[in-house]
Amino acid sequence: MNSSLDFTELATIISLNSYTKNKAGVDHNADIFNGWMEQLGFSVETHRREEIGNHVHYLSKKSEGAKLLLLGHLDTVFPPDTFTEFREDDEWIYGPGVCDMKGGNYIALTALRNVFTEQGHIANIDMLLVSDEESGSDDSKLLTSELAKAYDACMVFEAAGPDHDVVISRKGIATFQIEFEGKGAHAGNHYTDGINANLAAAHMLIALTNLTDLEKGTTVNAGKMKGGLGANTISPSASLTVEARFTQSDERDRVLAAFKEVTQNPAVEGVKVVVTGGLQRDVMQPTEAQAQFIVELESVLGAPLKLEKRGGVSDANVVSAAGVPTLDGFGPYGDGDHTIHERASKSSFERRINEVSKILAHFNGGK
C-alpha cells in the first residue's frame, strides 16, 4: 500500500537517540515534543531530574466533563550507535521506537492536532511522557501514580496487538536480588567447617520456583544465579536474581508473602540472607469502570474493540493500580521491538490516528 502519511517529523525523533541513560538525548526528544504541544495550546510542566531524562506533563485548559490522560514514554532501549537509522518502504517504517513508543506518542500528537484543527481548542485532555519506562519506571512511577488521580480515564500508547487489540490486562511484576553469605572452607580438609552459600541458594531457588501457578498465570523465575570460588572450596557467597509475575492481586499477595517466608528461612543453617527489590509494577486487572470505559469508546467508534491480555508490563500498570480506568495499546501495530528489526505498519498509523482522533474529539471539553 502507499500511505498518505508523511513520516518526516516522526523520523526526526526516531533518529534522535533516546536511550534511557542518555539524559541529553531523552531531554532533546522532550524539547521537540514540547514545541509541538505548545502549538496546540498546551502548557508544559517539566519534572526535572539530574541523572535521567526529565518527565513532562502537558496540560490543557479545563472545563466541565471527564478528564482524560494520554500516557507515553520518551526513552528507548538502544544505546547510542547501536540502532539509529530511520527508513521506510511501501508498508512499514523502521527504526528505534517506531512502535515502542515514539510512534505511539506521535499518534497521540497527530490526533490532538486533528481535534485542534476541527474544534479550535483542546480542553480536559492532558498528556504525560516519562523518561524511564524501559528501565522499569523506578523514578517516574510515583509521579505517574500521583498525577493519575486527577483523571477519570487513561489511554496508553504502547503498540497495538496484531488485530489492533486494546490491552485490558497486564501482569504485575516484582523483582528481587538475594545475597547469601556463608563461610568458606577447604572442601577436602575442612568440609564441615564451611557454611555452603551455594547450597542455600539452590534450595531457595527451588522453593521460590515452586510458587509458580501456571493455571492462575503466576510465574516465579530465578533468571540469574552465581556463587562460589571453585570445586575445592565450600562456597562463602552466592546470589539469585528472581522475578515474579502475576495476573491477579490475590496471587500478588500470596507470592509476596511466601517470598518473605522463604527468604527469611534459608535451608542451610548459618547462612545470612539479604533481600533487595520488591514490587516493581502492580497488576493491571479488568474492572467494572474499565468495562464502562470500553463501552463508551465503542459507542464513539461505532464498532467493538478487540481486547487483549498481555504478560508484559507498561506504565498502564501504574495508572490502573492508582484506580483509574485504563486501556493500553493505542499505538501502531508493529513487531521486532527491543531489537534492531523494530518496525511499524503504515496502515496501522492511519487506522489508529483516525480512531484516536474520534475518541479525543468526544472527550474534548468546552464545546
Protein backbone atom coordinates (compact mmCIF):
# COMPACT_ATOMS: atom_id res chain seq x y z
CA MET A 1 0.00 0.00 0.00
CA ASN A 2 1.06 3.62 -0.42
CA SER A 3 0.41 5.57 2.76
CA SER A 4 -0.77 9.17 2.57
CA LEU A 5 1.05 9.99 5.80
CA ASP A 6 4.28 11.96 5.85
CA PHE A 7 6.66 10.48 8.43
CA THR A 8 9.29 13.23 8.14
CA GLU A 9 8.53 14.69 11.58
CA LEU A 10 8.48 11.29 13.22
CA ALA A 11 11.81 10.46 11.56
CA THR A 12 13.44 13.39 13.36
CA ILE A 13 12.75 11.91 16.79
CA ILE A 14 13.30 8.30 15.71
CA SER A 15 16.81 9.28 14.53
CA LEU A 16 17.48 11.01 17.85
CA ASN A 17 18.97 8.56 20.36
CA SER A 18 16.76 8.37 23.44
CA TYR A 19 18.37 5.52 25.36
CA THR A 20 17.10 5.69 28.93
CA LYS A 21 20.57 6.50 30.30
CA ASN A 22 21.19 9.13 27.62
CA LYS A 23 19.73 12.09 29.51
CA ALA A 24 20.72 14.62 26.88
CA GLY A 25 19.03 12.61 24.13
CA VAL A 26 15.86 11.97 26.11
CA ASP A 27 15.61 15.64 27.04
CA HIS A 28 16.16 16.67 23.41
CA ASN A 29 13.28 14.38 22.43
CA ALA A 30 11.13 16.10 25.07
CA ASP A 31 12.15 19.56 23.84
CA ILE A 32 10.98 18.72 20.32
CA PHE A 33 7.70 17.34 21.63
CA ASN A 34 7.27 20.41 23.85
CA GLY A 35 7.29 22.64 20.80
CA TRP A 36 4.69 20.54 19.03
CA MET A 37 2.38 20.51 22.05
CA GLU A 38 2.73 24.22 22.78
CA GLN A 39 1.47 24.93 19.26
CA LEU A 40 -1.78 23.24 20.34
CA GLY A 41 -2.18 25.46 23.40
CA PHE A 42 -0.75 23.04 25.99
CA SER A 43 1.33 24.34 28.85
CA VAL A 44 4.39 22.27 29.74
CA GLU A 45 5.12 21.19 33.29
CA THR A 46 8.64 19.75 33.46
CA HIS A 47 9.62 17.43 36.29
CA ARG A 48 13.38 17.82 36.20
CA ARG A 49 15.75 15.01 37.03
CA GLU A 50 19.54 15.07 37.40
CA GLU A 51 20.54 11.55 36.38
CA ILE A 52 17.80 10.60 33.92
CA GLY A 53 15.68 12.49 31.43
CA ASN A 54 13.02 14.91 32.63
CA HIS A 55 9.38 13.83 32.78
CA VAL A 56 6.97 16.19 31.00
CA HIS A 57 3.28 16.79 31.71
CA TYR A 58 1.28 18.63 29.06
CA LEU A 59 -1.72 20.46 30.46
CA SER A 60 -4.77 21.69 28.55
CA LYS A 61 -7.46 24.08 29.71
CA LYS A 62 -10.11 22.62 31.97
CA SER A 63 -13.91 22.77 31.82
CA GLU A 64 -16.81 20.63 32.96
CA GLY A 65 -16.63 16.99 31.96
CA ALA A 66 -14.41 13.94 32.24
CA LYS A 67 -10.65 14.44 32.37
CA LEU A 68 -8.58 12.17 30.12
CA LEU A 69 -4.87 11.35 30.45
CA LEU A 70 -2.76 10.23 27.48
CA LEU A 71 0.36 8.36 28.59
CA GLY A 72 3.62 7.54 26.86
CA HIS A 73 7.38 7.39 27.38
CA LEU A 74 10.29 9.22 25.80
CA ASP A 75 13.01 6.57 26.16
CA THR A 76 14.07 3.56 24.10
CA VAL A 77 16.26 0.56 24.89
CA PHE A 78 19.02 1.22 22.33
CA PRO A 79 22.36 2.71 23.48
CA PRO A 80 23.99 5.32 21.21
CA ASP A 81 25.46 3.99 17.95
CA THR A 82 23.62 0.63 18.17
CA PHE A 83 20.42 1.26 16.18
CA THR A 84 19.77 4.77 14.92
CA GLU A 85 18.54 4.61 11.32
CA PHE A 86 15.04 5.54 10.23
CA ARG A 87 13.87 4.11 6.91
CA GLU A 88 10.62 3.22 5.20
CA ASP A 89 9.16 1.19 2.37
CA ASP A 90 5.62 0.99 0.99
CA GLU A 91 4.18 -0.82 4.01
CA TRP A 92 6.48 -0.28 7.01
CA ILE A 93 8.62 2.24 8.81
CA TYR A 94 11.75 1.02 10.59
CA GLY A 95 13.80 2.42 13.43
CA PRO A 96 14.25 2.63 17.22
CA GLY A 97 10.92 3.47 18.80
CA VAL A 98 8.70 3.34 15.73
CA CYS A 99 6.30 1.14 17.70
CA ASP A 100 7.82 1.32 21.21
CA MET A 101 6.88 4.01 21.62
CA LYS A 102 7.77 7.19 19.77
CA GLY A 103 5.32 6.03 17.12
CA GLY A 104 2.57 5.78 19.73
CA ASN A 105 3.37 9.23 21.08
CA TYR A 106 3.18 10.59 17.54
CA ILE A 107 -0.25 9.03 17.01
CA ALA A 108 -1.49 10.85 20.12
CA LEU A 109 0.06 14.11 18.88
CA THR A 110 -1.43 13.79 15.40
CA ALA A 111 -4.88 13.00 16.81
CA LEU A 112 -4.64 16.05 19.07
CA ARG A 113 -3.71 18.15 16.03
CA ASN A 114 -6.77 16.86 14.20
CA VAL A 115 -9.02 17.78 17.09
CA PHE A 116 -7.44 21.22 17.41
CA THR A 117 -7.90 21.86 13.69
CA GLU A 118 -11.54 20.73 13.72
CA GLN A 119 -12.68 22.24 17.03
CA GLY A 120 -10.26 25.13 17.53
CA HIS A 121 -9.23 24.20 21.07
CA ILE A 122 -8.31 21.33 23.37
CA ALA A 123 -9.59 21.00 26.92
CA ASN A 124 -9.76 18.26 29.56
CA ILE A 125 -7.15 16.15 27.72
CA ASP A 126 -3.62 16.07 29.16
CA MET A 127 -0.55 14.03 28.23
CA LEU A 128 2.29 12.65 30.33
CA LEU A 129 5.59 11.46 28.85
CA VAL A 130 8.03 9.83 31.27
CA SER A 131 11.71 9.20 30.67
CA ASP A 132 12.47 5.85 32.29
CA GLU A 133 9.76 3.33 31.34
CA GLU A 134 12.20 0.99 29.59
CA SER A 135 14.26 0.63 32.78
CA GLY A 136 11.23 -0.10 34.96
CA SER A 137 9.87 3.40 35.73
CA ASP A 138 11.65 3.28 39.08
CA ASP A 139 11.70 7.07 39.28
CA SER A 140 8.55 8.02 37.37
CA LYS A 141 6.04 5.53 38.75
CA LEU A 142 5.42 7.50 41.95
CA LEU A 143 4.89 10.68 39.93
CA THR A 144 2.61 8.90 37.45
CA SER A 145 0.56 7.33 40.22
CA GLU A 146 0.07 10.69 41.95
CA LEU A 147 -0.78 12.64 38.80
CA ALA A 148 -3.16 9.93 37.58
CA LYS A 149 -5.55 10.57 40.44
CA ALA A 150 -6.70 13.78 38.75
CA TYR A 151 -8.15 11.90 35.76
CA ASP A 152 -11.29 9.91 35.03
CA ALA A 153 -9.67 7.63 32.44
CA CYS A 154 -6.33 6.95 30.77
CA MET A 155 -5.24 5.85 27.30
CA VAL A 156 -1.71 4.44 26.93
CA PHE A 157 0.06 4.45 23.58
CA GLU A 158 2.16 1.30 23.66
CA ALA A 159 1.99 -0.77 20.47
CA ALA A 160 -1.31 -2.30 19.36
CA GLY A 161 -1.88 -6.02 19.11
CA PRO A 162 -1.85 -7.85 15.75
CA ASP A 163 -5.58 -7.18 15.28
CA HIS A 164 -5.26 -3.68 16.72
CA ASP A 165 -6.16 -5.17 20.06
CA VAL A 166 -6.54 -2.87 23.04
CA VAL A 167 -4.86 -4.11 26.21
CA ILE A 168 -7.16 -4.58 29.21
CA SER A 169 -4.83 -6.55 31.46
CA ARG A 170 -1.11 -6.81 32.18
CA LYS A 171 0.75 -8.93 34.66
CA GLY A 172 2.22 -7.29 37.72
CA ILE A 173 5.93 -7.78 38.29
CA ALA A 174 8.22 -7.98 41.30
CA THR A 175 11.99 -8.34 41.04
CA PHE A 176 14.42 -9.27 43.80
CA GLN A 177 18.15 -9.56 44.34
CA ILE A 178 19.01 -12.13 47.00
CA GLU A 179 22.51 -12.24 48.51
CA PHE A 180 23.73 -15.23 50.54
CA GLU A 181 26.63 -15.08 52.98
CA GLY A 182 28.07 -18.37 54.15
CA LYS A 183 31.53 -19.40 55.33
CA GLY A 184 34.33 -20.54 53.06
CA ALA A 185 36.35 -23.64 53.89
CA HIS A 186 38.58 -26.20 52.16
CA ALA A 187 36.26 -28.84 50.76
CA GLY A 188 38.72 -31.64 51.39
CA ASN A 189 40.26 -30.85 54.76
CA HIS A 190 37.58 -28.76 56.48
CA TYR A 191 34.30 -29.66 54.80
CA THR A 192 32.23 -29.47 57.98
CA ASP A 193 33.72 -26.12 58.96
CA GLY A 194 32.13 -24.42 55.95
CA ILE A 195 28.65 -22.97 55.53
CA ASN A 196 27.62 -23.52 51.92
CA ALA A 197 26.00 -20.41 50.41
CA ASN A 198 25.57 -22.17 47.07
CA LEU A 199 23.55 -24.94 48.69
CA ALA A 200 21.30 -22.41 50.44
CA ALA A 201 20.77 -20.60 47.15
CA ALA A 202 19.92 -23.86 45.37
CA HIS A 203 17.29 -24.79 47.95
CA MET A 204 15.82 -21.31 47.82
CA LEU A 205 15.73 -21.30 44.02
CA ILE A 206 13.61 -24.45 44.08
CA ALA A 207 11.33 -23.19 46.85
CA LEU A 208 10.69 -19.89 45.07
CA THR A 209 10.15 -21.53 41.68
CA ASN A 210 7.55 -23.79 43.30
CA LEU A 211 5.42 -20.70 43.97
CA THR A 212 4.57 -20.73 40.25
CA ASP A 213 0.92 -21.44 39.42
CA LEU A 214 0.52 -21.56 35.65
CA GLU A 215 -3.25 -22.04 35.82
CA LYS A 216 -3.54 -18.65 37.53
CA GLY A 217 -0.93 -17.01 35.33
CA THR A 218 1.66 -16.74 38.11
CA THR A 219 5.32 -17.36 37.35
CA VAL A 220 8.44 -17.12 39.51
CA ASN A 221 11.75 -17.27 37.68
CA ALA A 222 15.29 -17.26 39.09
CA GLY A 223 16.85 -15.82 35.97
CA LYS A 224 20.39 -15.38 37.24
CA MET A 225 22.46 -17.36 39.74
CA LYS A 226 26.09 -17.07 40.75
CA GLY A 227 28.29 -18.10 43.64
CA GLY A 228 31.32 -19.91 44.93
CA LEU A 229 35.04 -19.89 44.21
CA GLY A 230 35.87 -23.36 42.93
CA ALA A 231 35.26 -27.07 43.29
CA ASN A 232 37.62 -27.41 46.26
CA THR A 233 36.01 -24.62 48.31
CA ILE A 234 32.81 -24.52 50.32
CA SER A 235 31.04 -21.52 48.83
CA PRO A 236 31.24 -18.39 51.03
CA SER A 237 28.73 -16.39 48.98
CA ALA A 238 26.05 -16.68 46.32
CA SER A 239 23.29 -14.61 44.76
CA LEU A 240 19.99 -15.02 42.93
CA THR A 241 18.08 -12.59 40.74
CA VAL A 242 14.41 -13.52 40.82
CA GLU A 243 11.34 -12.20 39.01
CA ALA A 244 7.70 -12.90 39.85
CA ARG A 245 4.74 -12.10 37.58
CA PHE A 246 1.04 -12.38 38.39
CA THR A 247 -2.31 -11.59 36.81
CA GLN A 248 -4.38 -11.24 39.99
CA SER A 249 -4.00 -9.15 43.12
CA ASP A 250 -4.62 -12.12 45.39
CA GLU A 251 -1.82 -14.01 43.64
CA ARG A 252 0.42 -10.97 44.12
CA ASP A 253 -0.31 -11.08 47.84
CA ARG A 254 0.26 -14.84 48.05
CA VAL A 255 3.58 -14.72 46.23
CA LEU A 256 4.96 -11.73 48.11
CA ALA A 257 4.02 -13.22 51.47
CA ALA A 258 5.51 -16.62 50.56
CA PHE A 259 8.62 -14.94 49.19
CA LYS A 260 9.17 -13.23 52.53
CA GLU A 261 8.69 -16.51 54.40
CA VAL A 262 11.10 -18.45 52.16
CA THR A 263 13.85 -15.83 52.19
CA GLN A 264 13.73 -15.42 55.95
CA ASN A 265 14.26 -19.16 56.47
CA PRO A 266 17.23 -20.42 54.43
CA ALA A 267 17.61 -24.20 54.30
CA VAL A 268 21.28 -24.12 55.38
CA GLU A 269 21.85 -23.18 59.00
CA GLY A 270 24.18 -20.24 59.48
CA VAL A 271 23.67 -18.64 56.09
CA LYS A 272 22.76 -14.95 56.17
CA VAL A 273 20.33 -13.67 53.53
CA VAL A 274 19.86 -10.08 52.38
CA VAL A 275 16.99 -9.26 50.00
CA THR A 276 16.59 -6.07 47.98
CA GLY A 277 13.91 -5.12 45.46
CA GLY A 278 10.20 -5.74 45.57
CA LEU A 279 7.06 -4.88 43.66
CA GLN A 280 8.04 -3.02 40.51
CA ARG A 281 4.69 -2.57 38.79
CA ASP A 282 1.38 -3.70 40.21
CA VAL A 283 -1.03 -5.93 38.33
CA MET A 284 -3.39 -4.34 35.79
CA GLN A 285 -6.73 -6.13 36.09
CA PRO A 286 -10.03 -5.66 34.25
CA THR A 287 -12.51 -3.67 36.34
CA GLU A 288 -16.12 -2.60 36.01
CA ALA A 289 -15.02 1.01 35.49
CA GLN A 290 -12.70 -0.11 32.71
CA ALA A 291 -15.55 -2.08 31.13
CA GLN A 292 -17.70 1.07 31.14
CA PHE A 293 -14.83 2.99 29.51
CA ILE A 294 -14.68 0.34 26.78
CA VAL A 295 -18.42 0.65 26.15
CA GLU A 296 -18.07 4.43 25.84
CA LEU A 297 -15.22 4.14 23.33
CA GLU A 298 -17.06 1.53 21.30
CA SER A 299 -20.04 3.85 21.11
CA VAL A 300 -17.80 6.65 19.85
CA LEU A 301 -16.12 4.42 17.25
CA GLY A 302 -19.30 2.61 16.23
CA ALA A 303 -17.53 -0.73 16.39
CA PRO A 304 -16.37 -3.19 19.05
CA LEU A 305 -12.79 -3.05 20.28
CA LYS A 306 -10.70 -6.19 20.10
CA LEU A 307 -9.37 -6.85 23.59
CA GLU A 308 -6.13 -8.47 24.70
CA LYS A 309 -4.38 -9.55 27.89
CA ARG A 310 -0.58 -9.26 27.94
CA GLY A 311 2.11 -10.73 30.14
CA GLY A 312 4.44 -7.78 29.69
CA VAL A 313 4.22 -4.65 31.80
CA SER A 314 3.94 -0.95 30.99
CA ASP A 315 3.05 2.25 32.78
CA ALA A 316 -0.58 1.24 32.27
CA ASN A 317 0.01 -0.97 35.31
CA VAL A 318 0.86 2.10 37.38
CA VAL A 319 -2.20 4.14 36.41
CA SER A 320 -4.54 1.17 36.73
CA ALA A 321 -3.20 0.44 40.21
CA ALA A 322 -3.98 4.05 41.13
CA GLY A 323 -7.66 3.25 40.48
CA VAL A 324 -8.05 4.96 37.11
CA PRO A 325 -9.87 3.10 34.29
CA THR A 326 -7.03 2.40 31.87
CA LEU A 327 -6.67 0.96 28.38
CA ASP A 328 -3.36 0.33 26.64
CA GLY A 329 -2.25 -0.47 23.10
CA PHE A 330 -3.38 2.67 21.25
CA GLY A 331 -0.07 2.88 19.41
CA PRO A 332 0.56 1.40 15.95
CA TYR A 333 0.87 -2.30 15.26
CA GLY A 334 4.48 -3.35 14.82
CA ASP A 335 6.96 -6.03 15.70
CA GLY A 336 10.64 -6.51 16.41
CA ASP A 337 10.52 -4.04 19.29
CA HIS A 338 13.62 -4.12 21.52
CA THR A 339 15.58 -5.45 18.51
CA ILE A 340 17.29 -3.86 15.52
CA HIS A 341 14.41 -5.17 13.39
CA GLU A 342 11.78 -2.92 15.01
CA ARG A 343 9.14 -1.79 12.55
CA ALA A 344 5.61 -0.40 12.49
CA SER A 345 2.82 -0.66 9.93
CA LYS A 346 1.98 2.49 7.96
CA SER A 347 -1.64 1.44 7.55
CA SER A 348 -1.82 0.91 11.30
CA PHE A 349 -0.78 4.52 11.87
CA GLU A 350 -3.63 5.68 9.65
CA ARG A 351 -6.15 3.49 11.42
CA ARG A 352 -5.04 4.45 14.92
CA ILE A 353 -4.89 8.18 14.13
CA ASN A 354 -8.45 8.01 12.80
CA GLU A 355 -9.72 6.10 15.84
CA VAL A 356 -7.91 8.19 18.43
CA SER A 357 -9.00 11.43 16.74
CA LYS A 358 -12.64 10.38 17.14
CA ILE A 359 -12.10 9.44 20.78
CA LEU A 360 -10.33 12.69 21.65
CA ALA A 361 -12.95 14.76 19.85
CA HIS A 362 -15.54 13.06 22.07
CA PHE A 363 -13.65 13.92 25.27
CA ASN A 364 -12.62 17.42 24.21
CA GLY A 365 -14.19 19.79 26.74
CA GLY A 366 -15.79 23.17 26.41
CA LYS A 367 -17.52 22.58 23.08
